[in-house]
Amino acid sequence: PLYSSAASDVYKRQVMGYVLMAFKKDDIPKRMQASAISARRQSLEGLLAMFIMGGGLWGIGMAGAILMYGKTFLGSENLGYYVLNTLVMMAVALSLSYLIGLFVKNSNMLSGIANILSLGMCFLCGVFVPMNVMDRNVLKVSQFLPVYWYENVNAVSYTHLTLPTNRE
């Protein structure tokens, strides 16, 4: 089963961006500066909270894959690779959402930037359009984007039900 969560990264980026924007409103930054907790610790705790929320969203995505594919998904020999691949993609999506949330000032900008980044990567990297249909030059550019490698690992895992090894 090939389960792609790359398109769901739009929602992850927006949700996390809204959370970061909430901490920038009004006098909250001033209150945080006045607290006894250092700025470094506040940032680390914010990142931890984002990864906990991201883990929850990842869990919902995995539950969706299990509901859609059931025993086929759970019985796959490459299940570990699928799970690891989605975890890495989640970490990339959360990192990008944190970066976007640091610089965006209002929710309209957040929605626009998150949609352009997420959907743009999905179109360029083979989520919506198969890679074998794309021009070679587009694929060369898309190799710099994380979604390309996510889709590539999914394709390899799907076509090779048992992954080849170099053991002799």
N, C-alpha and C. Protein backbone atom coordinates (compact mmCIF):
# COMPACT_ATOMS: atom_id res chain seq x y z
N PRO A 1 0.83 -1.19 0.00
CA PRO A 1 0.00 0.00 0.00
C PRO A 1 0.87 1.25 0.00
N LEU A 2 0.49 2.17 -0.80
CA LEU A 2 1.24 3.42 -0.88
C LEU A 2 0.41 4.51 -0.23
N TYR A 3 0.83 4.97 0.90
CA TYR A 3 0.09 5.99 1.64
C TYR A 3 0.91 7.26 1.64
N SER A 4 0.37 8.32 1.07
CA SER A 4 1.10 9.57 0.97
C SER A 4 0.50 10.60 1.92
N SER A 5 1.31 11.06 2.85
CA SER A 5 0.83 12.08 3.77
C SER A 5 1.41 13.44 3.41
N ALA A 6 2.08 13.54 2.27
CA ALA A 6 2.71 14.80 1.91
C ALA A 6 1.68 15.91 1.72
N ALA A 7 0.53 15.57 1.16
CA ALA A 7 -0.50 16.58 0.95
C ALA A 7 -1.07 17.07 2.28
N SER A 8 -1.04 16.24 3.31
CA SER A 8 -1.58 16.66 4.62
C SER A 8 -0.64 17.64 5.33
N ASP A 9 0.55 17.83 4.80
CA ASP A 9 1.47 18.78 5.41
C ASP A 9 0.96 20.21 5.34
N VAL A 10 0.06 20.49 4.40
CA VAL A 10 -0.56 21.82 4.34
C VAL A 10 -1.21 22.12 5.68
N TYR A 11 -1.94 21.16 6.20
CA TYR A 11 -2.66 21.37 7.46
C TYR A 11 -1.70 21.46 8.64
N LYS A 12 -0.66 20.65 8.62
CA LYS A 12 0.33 20.71 9.70
C LYS A 12 0.96 22.09 9.75
N ARG A 13 1.33 22.61 8.59
CA ARG A 13 1.98 23.92 8.56
C ARG A 13 1.04 25.01 9.04
N GLN A 14 -0.21 24.93 8.63
CA GLN A 14 -1.14 25.97 9.04
C GLN A 14 -1.45 25.88 10.53
N VAL A 15 -1.68 24.68 11.03
CA VAL A 15 -2.00 24.52 12.45
C VAL A 15 -0.85 25.02 13.31
N MET A 16 0.36 24.59 12.99
CA MET A 16 1.52 25.00 13.77
C MET A 16 1.78 26.49 13.62
N GLY A 17 1.57 27.01 12.43
CA GLY A 17 1.76 28.45 12.22
C GLY A 17 0.79 29.28 13.04
N TYR A 18 -0.46 28.84 13.14
CA TYR A 18 -1.44 29.55 13.95
C TYR A 18 -1.06 29.53 15.43
N VAL A 19 -0.52 28.41 15.88
CA VAL A 19 -0.08 28.33 17.27
C VAL A 19 1.04 29.33 17.53
N LEU A 20 2.02 29.38 16.63
CA LEU A 20 3.12 30.33 16.80
C LEU A 20 2.64 31.77 16.74
N MET A 21 1.69 32.04 15.84
CA MET A 21 1.16 33.40 15.73
C MET A 21 0.44 33.82 17.01
N ALA A 22 -0.21 32.88 17.68
CA ALA A 22 -0.92 33.19 18.92
C ALA A 22 0.05 33.68 19.99
N PHE A 23 1.29 33.17 19.98
CA PHE A 23 2.27 33.60 20.97
C PHE A 23 2.88 34.95 20.64
N LYS A 24 2.65 35.47 19.45
CA LYS A 24 3.19 36.77 19.07
C LYS A 24 2.19 37.91 19.27
N LYS A 25 0.96 37.56 19.59
CA LYS A 25 -0.08 38.59 19.68
C LYS A 25 0.04 39.41 20.96
N ASP A 26 -0.31 40.67 20.80
CA ASP A 26 -0.46 41.63 21.89
C ASP A 26 0.72 41.62 22.86
N ASP A 27 0.43 41.40 24.13
CA ASP A 27 1.48 41.52 25.14
C ASP A 27 2.07 40.18 25.58
N ILE A 28 1.76 39.11 24.88
CA ILE A 28 2.30 37.80 25.26
C ILE A 28 3.82 37.77 25.16
N PRO A 29 4.44 38.29 24.07
CA PRO A 29 5.91 38.28 24.03
C PRO A 29 6.54 39.07 25.19
N LYS A 30 5.90 40.18 25.59
CA LYS A 30 6.42 40.96 26.71
C LYS A 30 6.34 40.18 28.02
N ARG A 31 5.24 39.47 28.20
CA ARG A 31 5.09 38.65 29.41
C ARG A 31 6.11 37.53 29.44
N MET A 32 6.36 36.94 28.27
CA MET A 32 7.34 35.86 28.22
C MET A 32 8.74 36.37 28.49
N GLN A 33 9.07 37.58 28.04
CA GLN A 33 10.38 38.17 28.31
C GLN A 33 10.55 38.49 29.79
N ALA A 34 9.44 38.84 30.44
CA ALA A 34 9.51 39.19 31.86
C ALA A 34 9.57 37.97 32.77
N SER A 35 9.33 36.81 32.24
CA SER A 35 9.31 35.61 33.08
C SER A 35 10.73 35.20 33.48
N ALA A 36 10.81 34.32 34.44
CA ALA A 36 12.11 33.85 34.93
C ALA A 36 12.72 32.78 34.02
N ILE A 37 11.96 32.32 33.05
CA ILE A 37 12.45 31.27 32.14
C ILE A 37 13.21 31.92 31.00
N SER A 38 14.38 31.37 30.68
CA SER A 38 15.22 31.96 29.64
C SER A 38 14.56 31.82 28.27
N ALA A 39 14.97 32.67 27.33
CA ALA A 39 14.43 32.64 25.97
C ALA A 39 14.78 31.32 25.29
N ARG A 40 15.95 30.80 25.57
CA ARG A 40 16.37 29.52 24.98
C ARG A 40 15.44 28.40 25.42
N ARG A 41 15.15 28.35 26.72
CA ARG A 41 14.27 27.30 27.23
C ARG A 41 12.85 27.46 26.68
N GLN A 42 12.39 28.70 26.56
CA GLN A 42 11.07 28.93 25.98
C GLN A 42 11.01 28.42 24.54
N SER A 43 12.07 28.68 23.77
CA SER A 43 12.11 28.20 22.39
C SER A 43 12.13 26.68 22.33
N LEU A 44 12.94 26.07 23.19
CA LEU A 44 13.01 24.61 23.20
C LEU A 44 11.67 23.98 23.61
N GLU A 45 11.01 24.59 24.58
CA GLU A 45 9.71 24.08 24.99
C GLU A 45 8.67 24.27 23.89
N GLY A 46 8.78 25.37 23.17
CA GLY A 46 7.89 25.59 22.03
C GLY A 46 8.10 24.54 20.95
N LEU A 47 9.36 24.23 20.66
CA LEU A 47 9.66 23.18 19.68
C LEU A 47 9.14 21.82 20.15
N LEU A 48 9.32 21.53 21.42
CA LEU A 48 8.83 20.27 21.97
C LEU A 48 7.31 20.19 21.85
N ALA A 49 6.63 21.28 22.15
CA ALA A 49 5.17 21.30 22.03
C ALA A 49 4.75 21.09 20.57
N MET A 50 5.49 21.69 19.64
CA MET A 50 5.17 21.49 18.22
C MET A 50 5.35 20.04 17.82
N PHE A 51 6.42 19.40 18.30
CA PHE A 51 6.65 18.01 17.94
C PHE A 51 5.63 17.08 18.60
N ILE A 52 5.14 17.44 19.78
CA ILE A 52 4.09 16.65 20.41
C ILE A 52 2.79 16.77 19.61
N MET A 53 2.45 18.00 19.22
CA MET A 53 1.26 18.19 18.39
C MET A 53 1.42 17.51 17.04
N GLY A 54 2.61 17.63 16.46
CA GLY A 54 2.88 16.97 15.19
C GLY A 54 2.78 15.46 15.31
N GLY A 55 3.26 14.92 16.43
CA GLY A 55 3.14 13.48 16.66
C GLY A 55 1.69 13.05 16.75
N GLY A 56 0.86 13.89 17.36
CA GLY A 56 -0.58 13.60 17.40
C GLY A 56 -1.20 13.59 16.01
N LEU A 57 -0.84 14.59 15.20
CA LEU A 57 -1.35 14.63 13.83
C LEU A 57 -0.81 13.46 13.01
N TRP A 58 0.45 13.09 13.26
CA TRP A 58 1.03 11.93 12.58
C TRP A 58 0.27 10.66 12.96
N GLY A 59 -0.06 10.54 14.25
CA GLY A 59 -0.82 9.38 14.71
C GLY A 59 -2.19 9.29 14.05
N ILE A 60 -2.82 10.43 13.87
CA ILE A 60 -4.12 10.45 13.18
C ILE A 60 -3.94 9.99 11.73
N GLY A 61 -2.85 10.45 11.09
CA GLY A 61 -2.57 10.03 9.72
C GLY A 61 -2.31 8.53 9.62
N MET A 62 -1.57 8.00 10.57
CA MET A 62 -1.30 6.55 10.56
C MET A 62 -2.58 5.76 10.82
N ALA A 63 -3.43 6.27 11.71
CA ALA A 63 -4.71 5.61 11.95
C ALA A 63 -5.56 5.62 10.68
N GLY A 64 -5.50 6.71 9.92
CA GLY A 64 -6.21 6.77 8.64
C GLY A 64 -5.70 5.73 7.66
N ALA A 65 -4.37 5.55 7.61
CA ALA A 65 -3.78 4.55 6.72
C ALA A 65 -4.22 3.14 7.14
N ILE A 66 -4.25 2.91 8.43
CA ILE A 66 -4.67 1.59 8.93
C ILE A 66 -6.14 1.34 8.61
N LEU A 67 -6.97 2.37 8.77
CA LEU A 67 -8.39 2.22 8.45
C LEU A 67 -8.61 1.99 6.96
N MET A 68 -7.83 2.69 6.12
CA MET A 68 -8.01 2.56 4.67
C MET A 68 -7.48 1.24 4.13
N TYR A 69 -6.30 0.83 4.61
CA TYR A 69 -5.63 -0.34 4.03
C TYR A 69 -5.65 -1.57 4.93
N GLY A 70 -5.93 -1.39 6.21
CA GLY A 70 -6.08 -2.51 7.13
C GLY A 70 -4.91 -3.47 7.19
N LYS A 71 -5.23 -4.76 7.01
CA LYS A 71 -4.22 -5.80 7.15
C LYS A 71 -3.13 -5.70 6.09
N THR A 72 -3.47 -5.17 4.93
CA THR A 72 -2.46 -5.02 3.88
C THR A 72 -1.36 -4.08 4.35
N PHE A 73 -1.75 -3.00 4.97
CA PHE A 73 -0.78 -2.03 5.47
C PHE A 73 0.01 -2.60 6.63
N LEU A 74 -0.68 -3.18 7.58
CA LEU A 74 -0.02 -3.71 8.78
C LEU A 74 0.83 -4.94 8.48
N GLY A 75 0.47 -5.69 7.44
CA GLY A 75 1.21 -6.88 7.09
C GLY A 75 2.35 -6.64 6.11
N SER A 76 2.52 -5.42 5.68
CA SER A 76 3.56 -5.11 4.70
C SER A 76 4.94 -5.35 5.30
N GLU A 77 5.82 -5.93 4.50
CA GLU A 77 7.19 -6.15 4.96
C GLU A 77 7.95 -4.84 5.12
N ASN A 78 7.49 -3.82 4.43
CA ASN A 78 8.17 -2.53 4.48
C ASN A 78 7.47 -1.53 5.39
N LEU A 79 6.66 -2.02 6.30
CA LEU A 79 5.92 -1.13 7.21
C LEU A 79 6.86 -0.21 7.98
N GLY A 80 7.96 -0.73 8.44
CA GLY A 80 8.94 0.10 9.17
C GLY A 80 9.47 1.24 8.33
N TYR A 81 9.71 0.97 7.05
CA TYR A 81 10.19 2.02 6.15
C TYR A 81 9.13 3.09 5.92
N TYR A 82 7.87 2.65 5.78
CA TYR A 82 6.77 3.61 5.63
C TYR A 82 6.66 4.51 6.86
N VAL A 83 6.70 3.90 8.02
CA VAL A 83 6.57 4.65 9.27
C VAL A 83 7.74 5.61 9.44
N LEU A 84 8.95 5.14 9.22
CA LEU A 84 10.13 5.99 9.33
C LEU A 84 10.08 7.13 8.32
N ASN A 85 9.65 6.83 7.10
CA ASN A 85 9.55 7.85 6.06
C ASN A 85 8.55 8.94 6.44
N THR A 86 7.40 8.54 6.98
CA THR A 86 6.40 9.53 7.38
C THR A 86 6.87 10.34 8.60
N LEU A 87 7.61 9.71 9.49
CA LEU A 87 8.15 10.44 10.65
C LEU A 87 9.16 11.50 10.20
N VAL A 88 10.02 11.13 9.27
CA VAL A 88 11.00 12.10 8.76
C VAL A 88 10.28 13.24 8.04
N MET A 89 9.26 12.91 7.25
CA MET A 89 8.51 13.95 6.54
C MET A 89 7.78 14.85 7.52
N MET A 90 7.29 14.28 8.61
CA MET A 90 6.63 15.08 9.63
C MET A 90 7.62 16.06 10.26
N ALA A 91 8.83 15.59 10.55
CA ALA A 91 9.85 16.46 11.14
C ALA A 91 10.20 17.60 10.19
N VAL A 92 10.29 17.31 8.90
CA VAL A 92 10.58 18.35 7.91
C VAL A 92 9.43 19.35 7.85
N ALA A 93 8.19 18.84 7.83
CA ALA A 93 7.02 19.73 7.77
C ALA A 93 6.95 20.62 9.01
N LEU A 94 7.23 20.05 10.18
CA LEU A 94 7.20 20.85 11.40
C LEU A 94 8.30 21.90 11.41
N SER A 95 9.47 21.54 10.91
CA SER A 95 10.57 22.51 10.85
C SER A 95 10.22 23.66 9.93
N LEU A 96 9.63 23.35 8.78
CA LEU A 96 9.22 24.41 7.86
C LEU A 96 8.11 25.26 8.46
N SER A 97 7.18 24.62 9.16
CA SER A 97 6.09 25.40 9.77
C SER A 97 6.62 26.31 10.87
N TYR A 98 7.62 25.85 11.60
CA TYR A 98 8.22 26.69 12.64
C TYR A 98 8.90 27.90 12.00
N LEU A 99 9.60 27.66 10.90
CA LEU A 99 10.27 28.75 10.19
C LEU A 99 9.26 29.74 9.64
N ILE A 100 8.20 29.25 9.04
CA ILE A 100 7.15 30.13 8.51
C ILE A 100 6.52 30.92 9.65
N GLY A 101 6.21 30.25 10.74
CA GLY A 101 5.56 30.91 11.88
C GLY A 101 6.39 32.00 12.51
N LEU A 102 7.71 31.90 12.39
CA LEU A 102 8.57 32.94 12.96
C LEU A 102 8.48 34.26 12.20
N PHE A 103 8.21 34.19 10.90
CA PHE A 103 8.27 35.39 10.07
C PHE A 103 6.92 35.94 9.65
N VAL A 104 5.87 35.16 9.73
CA VAL A 104 4.56 35.59 9.26
C VAL A 104 3.86 36.42 10.33
N LYS A 105 3.22 37.48 9.88
CA LYS A 105 2.58 38.40 10.82
C LYS A 105 1.07 38.21 10.96
N ASN A 106 0.38 37.76 9.89
CA ASN A 106 -1.06 37.58 10.01
C ASN A 106 -1.51 36.26 9.38
N SER A 107 -2.74 35.87 9.67
CA SER A 107 -3.23 34.55 9.26
C SER A 107 -3.41 34.43 7.75
N ASN A 108 -3.72 35.53 7.07
CA ASN A 108 -3.86 35.46 5.62
C ASN A 108 -2.52 35.14 4.96
N MET A 109 -1.46 35.78 5.45
CA MET A 109 -0.13 35.48 4.92
C MET A 109 0.24 34.03 5.21
N LEU A 110 -0.09 33.57 6.40
CA LEU A 110 0.23 32.19 6.78
C LEU A 110 -0.44 31.19 5.84
N SER A 111 -1.73 31.38 5.59
CA SER A 111 -2.45 30.47 4.70
C SER A 111 -1.84 30.47 3.30
N GLY A 112 -1.55 31.65 2.79
CA GLY A 112 -0.98 31.76 1.45
C GLY A 112 0.38 31.09 1.34
N ILE A 113 1.26 31.38 2.28
CA ILE A 113 2.62 30.82 2.24
C ILE A 113 2.58 29.30 2.43
N ALA A 114 1.79 28.83 3.38
CA ALA A 114 1.70 27.38 3.62
C ALA A 114 1.14 26.66 2.41
N ASN A 115 0.12 27.22 1.79
CA ASN A 115 -0.46 26.59 0.59
C ASN A 115 0.52 26.58 -0.57
N ILE A 116 1.19 27.70 -0.80
CA ILE A 116 2.13 27.77 -1.91
C ILE A 116 3.27 26.78 -1.70
N LEU A 117 3.84 26.76 -0.51
CA LEU A 117 4.94 25.83 -0.24
C LEU A 117 4.50 24.37 -0.34
N SER A 118 3.45 24.03 0.36
CA SER A 118 3.03 22.63 0.41
C SER A 118 2.52 22.12 -0.93
N LEU A 119 1.58 22.85 -1.50
CA LEU A 119 1.01 22.38 -2.77
C LEU A 119 2.02 22.49 -3.90
N GLY A 120 2.87 23.51 -3.86
CA GLY A 120 3.93 23.62 -4.87
C GLY A 120 4.86 22.42 -4.82
N MET A 121 5.28 22.05 -3.62
CA MET A 121 6.15 20.87 -3.50
C MET A 121 5.42 19.60 -3.93
N CYS A 122 4.14 19.51 -3.60
CA CYS A 122 3.39 18.31 -4.00
C CYS A 122 3.28 18.20 -5.52
N PHE A 123 3.07 19.32 -6.21
CA PHE A 123 3.00 19.28 -7.67
C PHE A 123 4.36 18.98 -8.28
N LEU A 124 5.40 19.62 -7.77
CA LEU A 124 6.74 19.45 -8.35
C LEU A 124 7.37 18.11 -8.04
N CYS A 125 6.96 17.47 -6.96
CA CYS A 125 7.67 16.29 -6.47
C CYS A 125 6.95 14.97 -6.68
N GLY A 126 5.86 14.95 -7.42
CA GLY A 126 5.25 13.68 -7.78
C GLY A 126 4.12 13.20 -6.90
N VAL A 127 3.57 14.06 -6.05
CA VAL A 127 2.43 13.64 -5.24
C VAL A 127 1.16 13.68 -6.09
N PHE A 128 0.95 14.79 -6.80
CA PHE A 128 -0.25 14.95 -7.61
C PHE A 128 -0.04 14.51 -9.06
N VAL A 129 1.15 14.69 -9.57
CA VAL A 129 1.49 14.34 -10.95
C VAL A 129 2.57 13.27 -10.88
N PRO A 130 2.37 12.12 -11.53
CA PRO A 130 3.38 11.06 -11.47
C PRO A 130 4.74 11.53 -12.01
N MET A 131 5.79 11.05 -11.38
CA MET A 131 7.14 11.48 -11.77
C MET A 131 7.51 11.07 -13.19
N ASN A 132 6.96 9.95 -13.65
CA ASN A 132 7.31 9.50 -14.99
C ASN A 132 6.71 10.38 -16.09
N VAL A 133 5.77 11.26 -15.75
CA VAL A 133 5.16 12.17 -16.70
C VAL A 133 5.92 13.50 -16.75
N MET A 134 6.67 13.80 -15.71
CA MET A 134 7.33 15.09 -15.58
C MET A 134 8.58 15.20 -16.45
N ASP A 135 8.89 16.43 -16.80
CA ASP A 135 10.09 16.74 -17.57
C ASP A 135 11.34 16.48 -16.71
N ARG A 136 12.43 16.09 -17.36
CA ARG A 136 13.68 15.81 -16.65
C ARG A 136 14.18 17.01 -15.87
N ASN A 137 14.04 18.20 -16.44
CA ASN A 137 14.53 19.41 -15.77
C ASN A 137 13.72 19.72 -14.52
N VAL A 138 12.43 19.46 -14.56
CA VAL A 138 11.58 19.66 -13.38
C VAL A 138 12.00 18.70 -12.27
N LEU A 139 12.29 17.47 -12.66
CA LEU A 139 12.72 16.48 -11.67
C LEU A 139 14.07 16.85 -11.06
N LYS A 140 14.95 17.44 -11.86
CA LYS A 140 16.24 17.88 -11.32
C LYS A 140 16.05 18.96 -10.27
N VAL A 141 15.15 19.89 -10.54
CA VAL A 141 14.86 20.95 -9.56
C VAL A 141 14.19 20.37 -8.33
N SER A 142 13.27 19.43 -8.54
CA SER A 142 12.52 18.88 -7.41
C SER A 142 13.39 18.03 -6.49
N GLN A 143 14.56 17.60 -6.95
CA GLN A 143 15.45 16.82 -6.09
C GLN A 143 15.98 17.63 -4.92
N PHE A 144 15.84 18.94 -4.96
CA PHE A 144 16.27 19.79 -3.86
C PHE A 144 15.18 19.92 -2.80
N LEU A 145 14.02 19.36 -3.05
CA LEU A 145 12.88 19.49 -2.14
C LEU A 145 12.66 18.17 -1.37
N PRO A 146 12.27 18.26 -0.12
CA PRO A 146 12.13 17.04 0.70
C PRO A 146 11.01 16.11 0.26
N VAL A 147 9.96 16.65 -0.34
CA VAL A 147 8.83 15.81 -0.74
C VAL A 147 9.24 14.86 -1.87
N TYR A 148 10.18 15.28 -2.72
CA TYR A 148 10.67 14.41 -3.79
C TYR A 148 11.24 13.13 -3.20
N TRP A 149 12.05 13.27 -2.18
CA TRP A 149 12.69 12.10 -1.58
C TRP A 149 11.69 11.26 -0.80
N TYR A 150 10.72 11.91 -0.20
CA TYR A 150 9.64 11.19 0.48
C TYR A 150 8.90 10.29 -0.51
N GLU A 151 8.52 10.87 -1.65
CA GLU A 151 7.80 10.12 -2.67
C GLU A 151 8.69 9.05 -3.29
N ASN A 152 9.97 9.35 -3.45
CA ASN A 152 10.90 8.39 -4.01
C ASN A 152 11.03 7.15 -3.12
N VAL A 153 11.17 7.37 -1.83
CA VAL A 153 11.26 6.25 -0.89
C VAL A 153 9.96 5.45 -0.90
N ASN A 154 8.82 6.13 -0.96
CA ASN A 154 7.54 5.41 -1.04
C ASN A 154 7.47 4.56 -2.30
N ALA A 155 7.91 5.11 -3.42
CA ALA A 155 7.85 4.36 -4.68
C ALA A 155 8.76 3.14 -4.64
N VAL A 156 9.96 3.31 -4.10
CA VAL A 156 10.89 2.18 -4.02
C VAL A 156 10.34 1.12 -3.06
N SER A 157 9.81 1.54 -1.94
CA SER A 157 9.25 0.59 -0.97
C SER A 157 8.06 -0.15 -1.55
N TYR A 158 7.29 0.53 -2.37
CA TYR A 158 6.09 -0.08 -2.94
C TYR A 158 6.43 -1.07 -4.05
N THR A 159 7.38 -0.71 -4.92
CA THR A 159 7.72 -1.59 -6.04
C THR A 159 8.55 -2.79 -5.61
N HIS A 160 9.34 -2.64 -4.55
CA HIS A 160 10.14 -3.75 -4.04
C HIS A 160 9.52 -4.21 -2.73
N LEU A 161 8.67 -5.19 -2.81
CA LEU A 161 7.99 -5.64 -1.60
C LEU A 161 8.98 -6.13 -0.56
N THR A 162 10.09 -6.71 -1.02
CA THR A 162 11.20 -6.98 -0.12
C THR A 162 12.38 -6.21 -0.68
N LEU A 163 12.96 -5.38 0.14
CA LEU A 163 14.04 -4.52 -0.34
C LEU A 163 15.29 -5.32 -0.64
N PRO A 164 15.98 -4.98 -1.74
CA PRO A 164 17.20 -5.71 -2.08
C PRO A 164 18.30 -5.41 -1.08
N THR A 165 19.17 -6.41 -0.86
CA THR A 165 20.30 -6.22 0.04
C THR A 165 21.58 -6.50 -0.73
N ASN A 166 22.69 -6.04 -0.19
CA ASN A 166 23.98 -6.25 -0.83
C ASN A 166 24.70 -7.45 -0.24
N ARG A 167 24.02 -8.28 0.49
CA ARG A 167 24.66 -9.45 1.08
C ARG A 167 24.92 -10.50 0.02
N GLU A 168 26.06 -11.14 0.15
CA GLU A 168 26.40 -12.19 -0.82
C GLU A 168 26.59 -13.51 -0.13
